[in-house]
Protein backbone atom coordinates (compact mmCIF):
# COMPACT_ATOMS: atom_id res chain seq x y z
CA MET A 1 49.13 -72.09 66.37
CA ILE A 2 46.95 -71.14 69.27
CA LEU A 3 43.32 -72.17 70.03
CA LEU A 4 40.60 -69.64 71.36
CA VAL A 5 37.59 -71.27 72.92
CA GLY A 6 34.51 -68.70 74.09
CA LEU A 7 32.23 -70.78 76.34
CA GLY A 8 28.51 -70.81 76.44
CA ASN A 9 25.66 -72.35 75.40
CA PRO A 10 23.74 -72.99 71.77
CA GLY A 11 20.78 -71.64 70.78
CA GLU A 12 18.93 -68.41 70.41
CA LYS A 13 17.63 -68.76 73.53
CA TYR A 14 20.64 -68.25 75.14
CA GLU A 15 22.35 -65.99 73.22
CA LYS A 16 22.06 -62.97 75.24
CA HIS A 17 23.04 -64.52 78.38
CA ARG A 18 25.53 -63.13 80.49
CA HIS A 19 26.71 -66.97 80.52
CA ASN A 20 27.45 -66.34 76.74
CA VAL A 21 29.97 -63.77 77.02
CA GLY A 22 32.39 -66.13 76.09
CA PHE A 23 30.78 -66.87 72.59
CA LEU A 24 30.66 -63.18 72.03
CA ALA A 25 34.29 -62.74 72.51
CA ALA A 26 35.07 -65.28 70.24
CA ASP A 27 32.97 -64.30 67.49
CA ALA A 28 34.36 -60.69 67.90
CA ILE A 29 37.91 -61.99 67.35
CA ALA A 30 37.07 -63.92 64.60
CA ASP A 31 34.85 -61.03 62.48
CA ALA A 32 37.39 -58.51 63.35
CA HIS A 33 40.33 -60.21 62.23
CA GLY A 34 38.59 -61.75 59.05
CA PHE A 35 38.42 -65.48 59.92
CA GLY A 36 36.39 -68.27 57.68
CA ALA A 37 33.08 -69.11 57.73
CA PRO A 38 32.30 -71.16 60.64
CA ARG A 39 31.74 -74.83 60.56
CA LYS A 40 31.01 -77.91 62.60
CA LYS A 41 33.87 -79.64 64.20
CA PHE A 42 34.72 -81.33 67.39
CA GLN A 43 31.35 -81.16 68.79
CA GLY A 44 31.72 -77.41 68.33
CA GLU A 45 31.68 -74.34 65.94
CA ILE A 46 35.30 -73.43 64.44
CA ARG A 47 36.68 -70.34 62.58
CA GLU A 48 40.11 -70.49 61.11
CA GLY A 49 42.13 -67.58 60.53
CA PHE A 50 45.72 -65.62 61.81
CA LEU A 51 46.41 -62.84 64.30
CA SER A 52 48.91 -60.58 63.26
CA GLY A 53 50.89 -58.79 66.04
CA PRO A 54 54.29 -58.19 67.63
CA ALA A 55 55.16 -61.83 67.46
CA GLY A 56 54.42 -62.14 63.88
CA ARG A 57 51.23 -63.67 62.07
CA GLU A 58 50.12 -66.46 64.23
CA LYS A 59 47.56 -69.24 63.44
CA ALA A 60 44.31 -69.30 65.29
CA ILE A 61 41.37 -71.51 65.71
CA ILE A 62 38.09 -69.81 67.19
CA LEU A 63 36.19 -73.02 69.09
CA LYS A 64 32.82 -72.36 70.29
CA PRO A 65 31.61 -76.06 71.80
CA LEU A 66 27.89 -76.90 71.25
CA THR A 67 27.83 -79.28 73.91
CA PHE A 68 26.15 -76.64 76.22
CA MET A 69 28.06 -75.33 78.89
CA ASN A 70 28.82 -78.29 81.28
CA GLU A 71 30.11 -80.74 78.64
CA SER A 72 32.28 -77.69 77.14
CA GLY A 73 35.72 -79.59 77.90
CA GLN A 74 34.76 -82.75 75.55
CA SER A 75 34.62 -80.26 72.90
CA VAL A 76 37.86 -78.68 73.67
CA GLY A 77 39.62 -81.48 74.29
CA LYS A 78 39.48 -83.06 70.96
CA ALA A 79 40.28 -80.11 69.18
CA ALA A 80 43.36 -79.93 71.41
CA GLN A 81 44.24 -83.66 70.77
CA PHE A 82 43.66 -83.00 66.90
CA TYR A 83 45.97 -80.31 66.54
CA LYS A 84 48.51 -81.48 68.93
CA LEU A 85 48.20 -78.62 71.44
CA GLY A 86 49.23 -78.66 75.10
CA PRO A 87 47.10 -76.63 77.82
CA GLU A 88 49.62 -73.33 77.43
CA ASP A 89 48.36 -72.84 73.84
CA VAL A 90 44.59 -73.17 74.79
CA VAL A 91 42.75 -69.95 75.96
CA VAL A 92 39.33 -70.10 77.17
CA PHE A 93 36.92 -66.81 77.34
CA TYR A 94 34.21 -66.99 79.81
CA ASP A 95 31.77 -64.98 82.43
CA GLU A 96 33.42 -64.51 85.63
CA LEU A 97 30.50 -63.72 88.50
CA ASP A 98 33.28 -62.36 91.09
CA LEU A 99 34.41 -59.65 88.57
CA ALA A 100 32.70 -56.49 88.18
CA PRO A 101 31.09 -55.63 84.75
CA GLY A 102 33.48 -53.87 82.77
CA LYS A 103 36.66 -55.89 84.25
CA LEU A 104 38.74 -58.32 82.80
CA ARG A 105 41.49 -60.44 84.11
CA VAL A 106 43.84 -62.95 82.66
CA LYS A 107 45.41 -66.25 84.39
CA THR A 108 46.92 -69.38 84.08
CA GLY A 109 46.16 -72.34 85.57
CA GLY A 110 43.77 -72.02 89.19
CA GLY A 111 40.58 -73.50 90.36
CA ALA A 112 37.20 -73.54 88.42
CA ALA A 113 35.55 -71.29 91.10
CA GLY A 114 32.07 -73.08 90.54
CA HIS A 115 32.51 -72.68 86.73
CA ASN A 116 31.10 -75.93 85.14
CA GLY A 117 32.24 -75.10 81.72
CA ILE A 118 35.85 -74.45 83.20
CA ARG A 119 35.51 -77.33 85.49
CA SER A 120 34.53 -79.54 82.66
CA ILE A 121 37.76 -78.39 80.41
CA ASP A 122 40.10 -78.97 83.80
CA ALA A 123 38.94 -82.75 83.70
CA HIS A 124 39.79 -83.38 79.42
CA LEU A 125 42.73 -81.07 79.14
CA GLY A 126 44.11 -80.54 82.82
CA ASN A 127 44.10 -76.88 84.34
CA ALA A 128 47.20 -75.28 82.78
CA PHE A 129 45.38 -73.58 80.22
CA ARG A 130 45.20 -70.16 79.99
CA ARG A 131 42.01 -68.26 80.76
CA VAL A 132 40.45 -64.93 80.06
CA ARG A 133 37.80 -63.79 82.89
CA ILE A 134 35.43 -61.18 81.97
CA GLY A 135 33.26 -59.82 84.83
CA ILE A 136 29.54 -59.72 84.85
CA GLY A 137 29.12 -58.54 88.45
CA HIS A 138 27.56 -60.27 91.39
CA PRO A 139 23.64 -59.82 91.80
CA GLY A 140 24.64 -59.62 95.74
CA ASP A 141 22.33 -62.26 96.60
CA LYS A 142 23.05 -65.81 96.42
CA ALA A 143 19.55 -66.52 95.62
CA LYS A 144 19.76 -64.56 92.44
CA VAL A 145 22.59 -65.84 91.25
CA THR A 146 21.07 -68.50 88.68
CA GLY A 147 18.94 -65.79 87.28
CA HIS A 148 21.38 -63.06 86.88
CA VAL A 149 24.20 -65.63 85.05
CA LEU A 150 21.43 -67.24 82.94
CA GLY A 151 19.87 -64.02 82.63
CA ASN A 152 19.82 -61.54 79.53
CA PHE A 153 22.61 -58.85 79.39
CA SER A 154 20.50 -55.43 80.73
CA LYS A 155 20.23 -52.12 79.03
CA GLY A 156 22.97 -51.07 81.58
CA ASP A 157 25.36 -53.35 80.32
CA GLN A 158 25.63 -51.96 76.76
CA ASP A 159 27.50 -49.33 78.44
CA TRP A 160 30.63 -51.62 78.97
CA LEU A 161 29.96 -54.56 76.92
CA PRO A 162 30.50 -53.30 72.96
CA ASP A 163 33.39 -51.41 74.27
CA MET A 164 34.68 -54.68 76.18
CA LEU A 165 34.84 -57.26 72.94
CA ASN A 166 36.15 -54.56 70.82
CA ALA A 167 39.31 -54.08 72.87
CA ILE A 168 38.98 -57.99 73.13
CA ALA A 169 39.17 -58.21 69.60
CA ALA A 170 41.63 -55.51 69.17
CA ALA A 171 43.90 -56.82 71.61
CA ALA A 172 43.41 -60.50 70.61
CA PRO A 173 47.04 -60.66 68.47
CA PHE A 174 49.06 -60.31 72.07
CA LEU A 175 47.79 -63.23 73.16
CA ALA A 176 50.16 -65.23 70.52
CA SER A 177 53.37 -64.14 73.18
CA ASP A 178 52.03 -62.01 76.10
CA ASP A 179 48.98 -62.24 77.97
CA LYS A 180 50.04 -59.29 80.13
CA ARG A 181 50.28 -57.16 77.39
CA PHE A 182 46.93 -58.36 75.92
CA ALA A 183 45.21 -57.72 79.56
CA SER A 184 46.88 -54.21 79.93
CA ASP A 185 45.70 -52.93 76.21
CA VAL A 186 42.34 -54.16 76.96
CA GLY A 187 42.03 -52.28 80.26
CA GLN A 188 43.62 -49.06 78.60
CA ARG A 189 40.88 -49.62 75.88
CA VAL A 190 37.97 -49.76 78.28
CA ALA A 191 39.07 -47.65 81.18
CA PRO A 192 36.09 -45.39 82.63
CA VAL A 193 36.38 -41.86 81.40
CA THR A 194 35.85 -39.98 84.72
CA PRO A 195 32.62 -37.81 84.78
CA TYR A 196 32.62 -34.06 85.35
CA LYS A 197 31.96 -33.21 88.51
CA LYS A 198 30.28 -29.77 89.27
CA GLN A 199 32.65 -28.13 91.92
CA SER A 200 30.25 -26.86 95.35
CA SER A 201 30.47 -23.70 96.72
CA ARG A 202 32.22 -24.81 99.62
CA ASP A 203 35.03 -26.23 97.50
CA ALA A 204 35.50 -22.90 95.20
CA VAL A 205 36.09 -20.81 98.55
CA ALA A 206 38.60 -22.74 99.69
CA GLU A 207 40.38 -23.14 96.25
CA ALA A 208 40.07 -19.12 96.33
CA LYS A 209 41.39 -19.12 99.71
CA ALA A 210 44.40 -21.35 98.81
CA ALA A 211 44.89 -18.96 95.77
CA ASN A 212 45.36 -15.95 98.05
CA LYS A 213 47.60 -17.34 100.06
CA THR A 214 49.99 -18.29 97.56
CA LYS A 215 49.92 -14.89 95.67
CA PRO A 216 52.48 -12.98 95.93
CA ALA A 217 52.55 -9.54 97.59
CA PRO A 218 52.98 -6.42 95.25
CA ASP A 219 56.34 -5.26 94.68
CA PRO A 220 56.59 -1.74 96.78
CA LYS A 221 58.51 -0.52 93.98
CA SER A 222 55.83 -0.99 91.14
CA THR A 223 53.06 0.68 93.61
CA PRO A 224 52.62 4.55 92.29
CA PRO A 225 53.37 7.31 94.97
CA LYS A 226 50.52 9.19 96.56
CA THR A 227 49.83 12.49 95.79
CA ASP A 228 48.31 15.46 97.30
CA ASP A 229 46.56 17.03 94.16
CA ALA A 230 43.71 16.11 95.72
CA LYS A 231 42.60 17.04 99.29
CA PRO A 232 39.70 15.28 101.22
CA ALA A 233 36.87 17.06 102.34
CA ASP A 234 36.80 17.93 105.59
CA VAL A 235 34.53 15.60 107.85
CA LYS A 236 33.48 16.00 111.39
CA PRO A 237 34.31 12.78 113.30
CA ALA A 238 31.17 11.10 114.63
CA ASP A 239 31.04 10.96 118.39
CA ASP A 240 32.96 7.77 119.33
CA ALA A 241 32.32 6.61 115.68
CA SER A 242 35.50 4.41 115.44
CA LYS A 243 34.83 3.01 118.79
CA ASN A 244 30.75 2.32 117.22
CA PRO A 245 30.37 2.43 113.90
CA PHE A 246 26.75 2.44 113.74
CA ALA A 247 26.66 5.69 116.27
CA ALA A 248 26.26 7.71 113.09
CA LEU A 249 23.87 5.68 111.83
CA GLY A 250 21.87 5.94 114.92
CA LYS A 251 22.00 10.13 115.12
CA LEU A 252 20.70 10.02 111.32
CA PHE A 253 17.57 8.60 111.90
CA THR A 254 16.79 10.19 115.39
CA GLN A 255 17.58 13.92 113.73
CA LYS A 256 14.27 16.22 114.00
CA ASP A 257 13.49 18.03 110.61
């Protein structure tokens, strides 16, 4: 059995906050894999189901603590104790300020890095549980951090958020046996598409020169022989035209009618 925990704050007021991306990930997994209807237990909301993957069919419990973020450990600790699960059987999804939006990292253990939900779980379960950190980006100014974390996802976030949630849901079965495979699969599914870059005229010239340098010289045997069938008309050379190509042109304009 595996316990999948999504962190967030309960209530309509918070549901679109970046801080609630853990809730969104938990819902995405439960919906995609046909988990049962939510019910209240362990000071939270749980949904039960199965994840079918390379390791077989694994029983899974989705838990969304309803204690508010700072007391999440109370709910997680009770659930882990009830199901007799160790920290290694618990996977926690949460927002990561120091990861770019649309990035995801998985690790086991470590510090809380200022995240109160993780700090609370550390206190009730120990720190050896598995963590799925979902990047929400840093606003660039420490004074703006609280407003950013406790603010709604922007329109720009919709460029990556739905794809990230779908990728997490699709790759969730790997969490039963292989965290690295889970992270790799998510990364492949949300890999950014390189935008088309219009070639500049300078690049085009450089490319053409490079192509000419590598172009093979014509085969002398395949070059048709010259013939004398057509003789060129007699042309009187202009004075010193070979040295000054503009001399003939000058005479043309100075010729009298």
